[in-house]
Amino acid sequence: MAFKPYRPKPPGSSGPRPGGGRPFPARHIHQPEHRINEFIRVPEVRLVGDNLAEISEIAGHPVENGIFPTSKLQKWAEELGLDLIEITPNAEPPVVRIADYNKFLYQKKKKEKEMKANAAKVELKEIRFGPETGEHDFDFKLRHAKGFLGEGNKVKAYVQFRGRAIVFKDRGELLLLRFMKELEDYGAADQMPRLEGKRMSVILSPKKGSPKKKDD
């Protein structure tokens, strides 16, 4: 059974909202996050969406993404038992789509939650070198860095100078530059190596589409 379009009550009204009562939560009735249906009052809007075949059927002719009179889209949305939702109000003209408003909000919040969860998973992994780091140790740490970047984490590599070893800072910079070069398919440096006190460091961020597995 088709739902009736979303119809919030205008402020100050006490009677039932026009169009009947679809079971929306109270917060959506009084303060919807978007302008929808008859609350979209501009004369023209730009329609987008992936349900154009469904809209074309109710319109009686092929419908493509583009600019339409708002009243026409409101009529089609109502006939489909869906809502006309303004998704980009500041565009010229505003961008809308025809969809179930409750489902639209659910998918929007789900996507935001997933993006937040993915962002929270990014960690900063540290890899420490000495100015006299040998080839075997360098290769071992390089493999770890490839794994970290492949998992979507950032890598902070640094050379720690102790005592008079600070005189070898040029050697430490060359080591970090080589490290960056070896990892250019996996990540890019946020900036060139910097010396702070007795530590020279560089931070690399993962590249999109970088290899996912550690080298053998």
C-alpha atoms as a PDB file:
ATOM      1  CA  MET A   1       0.000   0.000   0.000  1.00  0.00           C
ATOM      2  CA  ALA A   2       1.441   3.376  -1.022  1.00  0.00           C
ATOM      3  CA  PHE A   3       2.172   5.936   1.665  1.00  0.00           C
ATOM      4  CA  LYS A   4       0.736   9.420   1.427  1.00  0.00           C
ATOM      5  CA  PRO A   5       3.235  12.245   0.847  1.00  0.00           C
ATOM      6  CA  TYR A   6       4.806  13.916   3.834  1.00  0.00           C
ATOM      7  CA  ARG A   7       2.710  16.912   4.924  1.00  0.00           C
ATOM      8  CA  PRO A   8       3.974  18.776   8.026  1.00  0.00           C
ATOM      9  CA  LYS A   9       1.488  21.116   9.675  1.00  0.00           C
ATOM     10  CA  PRO A  10       2.156  24.830   9.129  1.00  0.00           C
ATOM     11  CA  PRO A  11       3.272  26.682  12.305  1.00  0.00           C
ATOM     12  CA  GLY A  12       0.353  27.621  14.527  1.00  0.00           C
ATOM     13  CA  SER A  13      -2.167  25.288  12.894  1.00  0.00           C
ATOM     14  CA  SER A  14      -4.184  22.954  15.096  1.00  0.00           C
ATOM     15  CA  GLY A  15      -6.073  20.785  12.608  1.00  0.00           C
ATOM     16  CA  PRO A  16      -4.831  17.650  10.843  1.00  0.00           C
ATOM     17  CA  ARG A  17      -2.109  18.182   8.266  1.00  0.00           C
ATOM     18  CA  PRO A  18      -3.175  18.132   4.595  1.00  0.00           C
ATOM     19  CA  GLY A  19      -2.992  14.815   2.832  1.00  0.00           C
ATOM     20  CA  GLY A  20      -3.522  12.556   5.838  1.00  0.00           C
ATOM     21  CA  GLY A  21      -1.155  11.106   8.396  1.00  0.00           C
ATOM     22  CA  ARG A  22       1.925   9.180   7.456  1.00  0.00           C
ATOM     23  CA  PRO A  23       3.633   8.054  10.693  1.00  0.00           C
ATOM     24  CA  PHE A  24       6.610  10.451  10.850  1.00  0.00           C
ATOM     25  CA  PRO A  25       8.413  11.161  14.146  1.00  0.00           C
ATOM     26  CA  ALA A  26       7.335  14.386  15.832  1.00  0.00           C
ATOM     27  CA  ARG A  27      10.663  16.140  15.242  1.00  0.00           C
ATOM     28  CA  HIS A  28      10.228  15.726  11.496  1.00  0.00           C
ATOM     29  CA  ILE A  29       6.710  17.109  11.614  1.00  0.00           C
ATOM     30  CA  HIS A  30       7.581  20.350  13.373  1.00  0.00           C
ATOM     31  CA  GLN A  31      11.148  20.961  12.210  1.00  0.00           C
ATOM     32  CA  PRO A  32      11.986  19.084   9.006  1.00  0.00           C
ATOM     33  CA  GLU A  33      15.654  19.206   8.025  1.00  0.00           C
ATOM     34  CA  HIS A  34      14.778  20.142   4.446  1.00  0.00           C
ATOM     35  CA  ARG A  35      12.085  22.103   2.646  1.00  0.00           C
ATOM     36  CA  ILE A  36       9.715  19.585   1.101  1.00  0.00           C
ATOM     37  CA  ASN A  37       6.514  19.417  -0.932  1.00  0.00           C
ATOM     38  CA  GLU A  38       4.381  22.588  -0.683  1.00  0.00           C
ATOM     39  CA  PHE A  39       7.072  24.285   1.441  1.00  0.00           C
ATOM     40  CA  ILE A  40       9.268  24.544  -1.680  1.00  0.00           C
ATOM     41  CA  ARG A  41       7.968  27.835  -3.048  1.00  0.00           C
ATOM     42  CA  VAL A  42      10.446  28.768  -5.787  1.00  0.00           C
ATOM     43  CA  PRO A  43       8.929  28.596  -9.304  1.00  0.00           C
ATOM     44  CA  GLU A  44      11.567  26.250 -10.792  1.00  0.00           C
ATOM     45  CA  VAL A  45      13.876  23.544  -9.455  1.00  0.00           C
ATOM     46  CA  ARG A  46      16.455  21.113 -10.850  1.00  0.00           C
ATOM     47  CA  LEU A  47      15.443  17.458 -10.603  1.00  0.00           C
ATOM     48  CA  VAL A  48      18.093  14.778  -9.951  1.00  0.00           C
ATOM     49  CA  GLY A  49      17.823  11.153  -8.914  1.00  0.00           C
ATOM     50  CA  ASP A  50      18.025   7.558 -10.054  1.00  0.00           C
ATOM     51  CA  ASN A  51      14.287   6.802 -10.134  1.00  0.00           C
ATOM     52  CA  LEU A  52      13.537   8.579 -13.414  1.00  0.00           C
ATOM     53  CA  ALA A  53      11.870   5.504 -14.943  1.00  0.00           C
ATOM     54  CA  GLU A  54       9.320   5.512 -12.123  1.00  0.00           C
ATOM     55  CA  ILE A  55       8.732   9.254 -12.545  1.00  0.00           C
ATOM     56  CA  SER A  56       8.440   8.889 -16.335  1.00  0.00           C
ATOM     57  CA  GLU A  57       5.716   6.298 -15.898  1.00  0.00           C
ATOM     58  CA  ILE A  58       3.566   8.611 -13.781  1.00  0.00           C
ATOM     59  CA  ALA A  59       4.333  11.592 -16.068  1.00  0.00           C
ATOM     60  CA  GLY A  60       3.340   9.690 -19.194  1.00  0.00           C
ATOM     61  CA  HIS A  61       6.538  10.606 -21.073  1.00  0.00           C
ATOM     62  CA  PRO A  62      10.333  10.229 -20.648  1.00  0.00           C
ATOM     63  CA  VAL A  63      11.708  12.402 -17.835  1.00  0.00           C
ATOM     64  CA  GLU A  64      15.409  13.257 -17.517  1.00  0.00           C
ATOM     65  CA  ASN A  65      17.414  15.172 -14.941  1.00  0.00           C
ATOM     66  CA  GLY A  66      16.904  18.885 -15.523  1.00  0.00           C
ATOM     67  CA  ILE A  67      14.905  22.000 -14.681  1.00  0.00           C
ATOM     68  CA  PHE A  68      11.127  21.729 -14.184  1.00  0.00           C
ATOM     69  CA  PRO A  69       8.314  23.876 -12.779  1.00  0.00           C
ATOM     70  CA  THR A  70       8.097  23.144  -9.064  1.00  0.00           C
ATOM     71  CA  SER A  71       4.342  22.639  -9.220  1.00  0.00           C
ATOM     72  CA  LYS A  72       4.729  19.872 -11.817  1.00  0.00           C
ATOM     73  CA  LEU A  73       7.235  17.948  -9.680  1.00  0.00           C
ATOM     74  CA  GLN A  74       5.055  18.396  -6.595  1.00  0.00           C
ATOM     75  CA  LYS A  75       2.167  16.850  -8.531  1.00  0.00           C
ATOM     76  CA  TRP A  76       4.251  13.892  -9.721  1.00  0.00           C
ATOM     77  CA  ALA A  77       5.604  13.289  -6.210  1.00  0.00           C
ATOM     78  CA  GLU A  78       2.105  13.270  -4.758  1.00  0.00           C
ATOM     79  CA  GLU A  79       0.847  10.847  -7.412  1.00  0.00           C
ATOM     80  CA  LEU A  80       3.762   8.521  -6.598  1.00  0.00           C
ATOM     81  CA  GLY A  81       3.040   8.705  -2.874  1.00  0.00           C
ATOM     82  CA  LEU A  82       6.498  10.240  -2.370  1.00  0.00           C
ATOM     83  CA  ASP A  83       7.948  13.618  -1.402  1.00  0.00           C
ATOM     84  CA  LEU A  84       9.654  16.419  -3.300  1.00  0.00           C
ATOM     85  CA  ILE A  85      12.805  17.096  -1.256  1.00  0.00           C
ATOM     86  CA  GLU A  86      15.046  20.156  -1.630  1.00  0.00           C
ATOM     87  CA  ILE A  87      18.588  18.801  -1.207  1.00  0.00           C
ATOM     88  CA  THR A  88      20.663  21.820  -2.351  1.00  0.00           C
ATOM     89  CA  PRO A  89      18.797  25.013  -1.455  1.00  0.00           C
ATOM     90  CA  ASN A  90      21.597  27.429  -2.385  1.00  0.00           C
ATOM     91  CA  ALA A  91      21.945  26.242  -5.980  1.00  0.00           C
ATOM     92  CA  GLU A  92      20.414  28.240  -8.831  1.00  0.00           C
ATOM     93  CA  PRO A  93      17.811  26.862  -9.189  1.00  0.00           C
ATOM     94  CA  PRO A  94      17.587  24.698  -6.039  1.00  0.00           C
ATOM     95  CA  VAL A  95      18.236  20.977  -6.554  1.00  0.00           C
ATOM     96  CA  VAL A  96      15.506  18.499  -5.598  1.00  0.00           C
ATOM     97  CA  ARG A  97      14.727  14.827  -5.806  1.00  0.00           C
ATOM     98  CA  ILE A  98      11.549  12.787  -5.537  1.00  0.00           C
ATOM     99  CA  ALA A  99      11.837  10.152  -2.820  1.00  0.00           C
ATOM    100  CA  ASP A 100      10.384   8.887   0.443  1.00  0.00           C
ATOM    101  CA  TYR A 101      11.470  11.504   2.989  1.00  0.00           C
ATOM    102  CA  ASN A 102      11.831   9.069   5.869  1.00  0.00           C
ATOM    103  CA  LYS A 103      13.978   6.747   3.749  1.00  0.00           C
ATOM    104  CA  PHE A 104      15.991   9.718   2.472  1.00  0.00           C
ATOM    105  CA  LEU A 105      16.777  10.842   6.045  1.00  0.00           C
ATOM    106  CA  TYR A 106      17.646   7.299   7.120  1.00  0.00           C
ATOM    107  CA  GLN A 107      20.116   6.820   4.254  1.00  0.00           C
ATOM    108  CA  LYS A 108      21.640  10.268   4.853  1.00  0.00           C
ATOM    109  CA  LYS A 109      22.245   9.587   8.549  1.00  0.00           C
ATOM    110  CA  LYS A 110      23.584   6.099   7.779  1.00  0.00           C
ATOM    111  CA  LYS A 111      26.098   7.516   5.300  1.00  0.00           C
ATOM    112  CA  GLU A 112      27.215  10.203   7.774  1.00  0.00           C
ATOM    113  CA  LYS A 113      27.671   7.544  10.452  1.00  0.00           C
ATOM    114  CA  GLU A 114      29.770   5.381   8.119  1.00  0.00           C
ATOM    115  CA  MET A 115      31.948   8.339   7.112  1.00  0.00           C
ATOM    116  CA  LYS A 116      32.490   9.220  10.773  1.00  0.00           C
ATOM    117  CA  ALA A 117      33.388   5.615  11.618  1.00  0.00           C
ATOM    118  CA  ASN A 118      35.866   5.419   8.731  1.00  0.00           C
ATOM    119  CA  ALA A 119      37.484   8.690   9.756  1.00  0.00           C
ATOM    120  CA  ALA A 120      37.844   7.452  13.328  1.00  0.00           C
ATOM    121  CA  LYS A 121      39.761   4.378  12.143  1.00  0.00           C
ATOM    122  CA  VAL A 122      42.655   6.397  10.682  1.00  0.00           C
ATOM    123  CA  GLU A 123      45.657   6.180  13.000  1.00  0.00           C
ATOM    124  CA  LEU A 124      49.094   7.772  13.026  1.00  0.00           C
ATOM    125  CA  LYS A 125      51.743   5.045  13.052  1.00  0.00           C
ATOM    126  CA  GLU A 126      55.277   5.989  14.089  1.00  0.00           C
ATOM    127  CA  ILE A 127      58.465   4.498  12.657  1.00  0.00           C
ATOM    128  CA  ARG A 128      61.784   5.378  14.275  1.00  0.00           C
ATOM    129  CA  PHE A 129      65.171   5.472  12.569  1.00  0.00           C
ATOM    130  CA  GLY A 130      68.658   6.263  13.771  1.00  0.00           C
ATOM    131  CA  PRO A 131      71.167   8.169  11.620  1.00  0.00           C
ATOM    132  CA  GLU A 132      73.144   4.920  11.206  1.00  0.00           C
ATOM    133  CA  THR A 133      70.179   2.690  10.246  1.00  0.00           C
ATOM    134  CA  GLY A 134      71.377  -0.282   8.180  1.00  0.00           C
ATOM    135  CA  GLU A 135      69.855  -1.736   5.001  1.00  0.00           C
ATOM    136  CA  HIS A 136      68.178  -4.697   6.710  1.00  0.00           C
ATOM    137  CA  ASP A 137      66.541  -2.486   9.357  1.00  0.00           C
ATOM    138  CA  PHE A 138      65.502   0.049   6.702  1.00  0.00           C
ATOM    139  CA  ASP A 139      63.826  -2.632   4.552  1.00  0.00           C
ATOM    140  CA  PHE A 140      62.079  -4.112   7.589  1.00  0.00           C
ATOM    141  CA  LYS A 141      60.585  -0.753   8.559  1.00  0.00           C
ATOM    142  CA  LEU A 142      59.739   0.037   4.953  1.00  0.00           C
ATOM    143  CA  ARG A 143      57.570  -3.102   4.779  1.00  0.00           C
ATOM    144  CA  HIS A 144      55.735  -2.037   7.934  1.00  0.00           C
ATOM    145  CA  ALA A 145      55.134   1.444   6.483  1.00  0.00           C
ATOM    146  CA  LYS A 146      53.661  -0.040   3.287  1.00  0.00           C
ATOM    147  CA  GLY A 147      51.296  -2.117   5.392  1.00  0.00           C
ATOM    148  CA  PHE A 148      50.215   0.867   7.498  1.00  0.00           C
ATOM    149  CA  LEU A 149      49.568   3.065   4.445  1.00  0.00           C
ATOM    150  CA  GLY A 150      47.790   0.223   2.650  1.00  0.00           C
ATOM    151  CA  GLU A 151      45.393  -0.020   5.609  1.00  0.00           C
ATOM    152  CA  GLY A 152      44.581   3.682   5.296  1.00  0.00           C
ATOM    153  CA  ASN A 153      46.691   4.929   8.211  1.00  0.00           C
ATOM    154  CA  LYS A 154      49.149   7.809   8.286  1.00  0.00           C
ATOM    155  CA  VAL A 155      52.831   7.164   8.938  1.00  0.00           C
ATOM    156  CA  LYS A 156      55.178   9.429  10.867  1.00  0.00           C
ATOM    157  CA  ALA A 157      58.802   8.504  10.221  1.00  0.00           C
ATOM    158  CA  TYR A 158      61.507  10.190  12.230  1.00  0.00           C
ATOM    159  CA  VAL A 159      65.247  10.080  12.786  1.00  0.00           C
ATOM    160  CA  GLN A 160      66.300  10.523  16.408  1.00  0.00           C
ATOM    161  CA  PHE A 161      69.686  12.176  16.947  1.00  0.00           C
ATOM    162  CA  ARG A 162      71.364  11.566  20.295  1.00  0.00           C
ATOM    163  CA  GLY A 163      74.213  13.645  21.670  1.00  0.00           C
ATOM    164  CA  ARG A 164      76.769  14.631  19.028  1.00  0.00           C
ATOM    165  CA  ALA A 165      74.898  12.604  16.366  1.00  0.00           C
ATOM    166  CA  ILE A 166      73.085  15.828  15.441  1.00  0.00           C
ATOM    167  CA  VAL A 167      76.077  16.606  13.201  1.00  0.00           C
ATOM    168  CA  PHE A 168      74.719  13.833  10.921  1.00  0.00           C
ATOM    169  CA  LYS A 169      71.420  15.629  10.279  1.00  0.00           C
ATOM    170  CA  ASP A 170      72.123  15.654   6.506  1.00  0.00           C
ATOM    171  CA  ARG A 171      72.419  11.875   6.625  1.00  0.00           C
ATOM    172  CA  GLY A 172      69.073  11.692   8.433  1.00  0.00           C
ATOM    173  CA  GLU A 173      67.405  13.909   5.832  1.00  0.00           C
ATOM    174  CA  LEU A 174      68.701  11.709   2.997  1.00  0.00           C
ATOM    175  CA  LEU A 175      67.359   8.639   4.777  1.00  0.00           C
ATOM    176  CA  LEU A 176      63.874  10.160   5.082  1.00  0.00           C
ATOM    177  CA  LEU A 177      63.909  11.340   1.462  1.00  0.00           C
ATOM    178  CA  ARG A 178      64.770   7.796   0.377  1.00  0.00           C
ATOM    179  CA  PHE A 179      61.987   6.480   2.602  1.00  0.00           C
ATOM    180  CA  MET A 180      59.513   8.853   0.912  1.00  0.00           C
ATOM    181  CA  LYS A 181      60.743   7.800  -2.548  1.00  0.00           C
ATOM    182  CA  GLU A 182      60.298   4.085  -1.772  1.00  0.00           C
ATOM    183  CA  LEU A 183      56.724   4.754  -0.606  1.00  0.00           C
ATOM    184  CA  GLU A 184      55.583   7.045  -3.421  1.00  0.00           C
ATOM    185  CA  ASP A 185      53.107   4.399  -4.695  1.00  0.00           C
ATOM    186  CA  TYR A 186      51.605   4.074  -1.216  1.00  0.00           C
ATOM    187  CA  GLY A 187      51.566   7.564   0.264  1.00  0.00           C
ATOM    188  CA  ALA A 188      52.603  11.178  -0.150  1.00  0.00           C
ATOM    189  CA  ALA A 189      54.376  13.415   2.341  1.00  0.00           C
ATOM    190  CA  ASP A 190      52.332  16.210   3.899  1.00  0.00           C
ATOM    191  CA  GLN A 191      55.521  18.297   3.813  1.00  0.00           C
ATOM    192  CA  MET A 192      59.281  17.888   3.468  1.00  0.00           C
ATOM    193  CA  PRO A 193      61.287  16.480   6.421  1.00  0.00           C
ATOM    194  CA  ARG A 194      61.588  18.972   9.278  1.00  0.00           C
ATOM    195  CA  LEU A 195      64.095  19.165  12.109  1.00  0.00           C
ATOM    196  CA  GLU A 196      62.612  19.911  15.537  1.00  0.00           C
ATOM    197  CA  GLY A 197      65.168  19.806  18.333  1.00  0.00           C
ATOM    198  CA  LYS A 198      67.048  16.526  17.918  1.00  0.00           C
ATOM    199  CA  ARG A 199      64.371  14.822  15.841  1.00  0.00           C
ATOM    200  CA  MET A 200      63.817  15.074  12.087  1.00  0.00           C
ATOM    201  CA  SER A 201      60.436  13.806  10.932  1.00  0.00           C
ATOM    202  CA  VAL A 202      58.049  13.514   8.010  1.00  0.00           C
ATOM    203  CA  ILE A 203      54.365  12.494   7.886  1.00  0.00           C
ATOM    204  CA  LEU A 204      52.973  10.506   4.965  1.00  0.00           C
ATOM    205  CA  SER A 205      49.272  10.191   4.141  1.00  0.00           C
ATOM    206  CA  PRO A 206      47.914   7.174   2.234  1.00  0.00           C
ATOM    207  CA  LYS A 207      47.111   7.538  -1.442  1.00  0.00           C
ATOM    208  CA  LYS A 208      43.726   6.483  -2.794  1.00  0.00           C
ATOM    209  CA  GLY A 209      44.015   3.199  -4.638  1.00  0.00           C
ATOM    210  CA  SER A 210      47.338   2.352  -3.004  1.00  0.00           C
ATOM    211  CA  PRO A 211      48.267  -1.365  -2.709  1.00  0.00           C
ATOM    212  CA  LYS A 212      46.462  -3.018   0.194  1.00  0.00           C
ATOM    213  CA  LYS A 213      48.827  -5.846   1.074  1.00  0.00           C
ATOM    214  CA  LYS A 214      52.266  -5.733   2.616  1.00  0.00           C
ATOM    215  CA  ASP A 215      55.155  -6.802   0.417  1.00  0.00           C
ATOM    216  CA  ASP A 216      56.524 -10.237   1.111  1.00  0.00           C
END
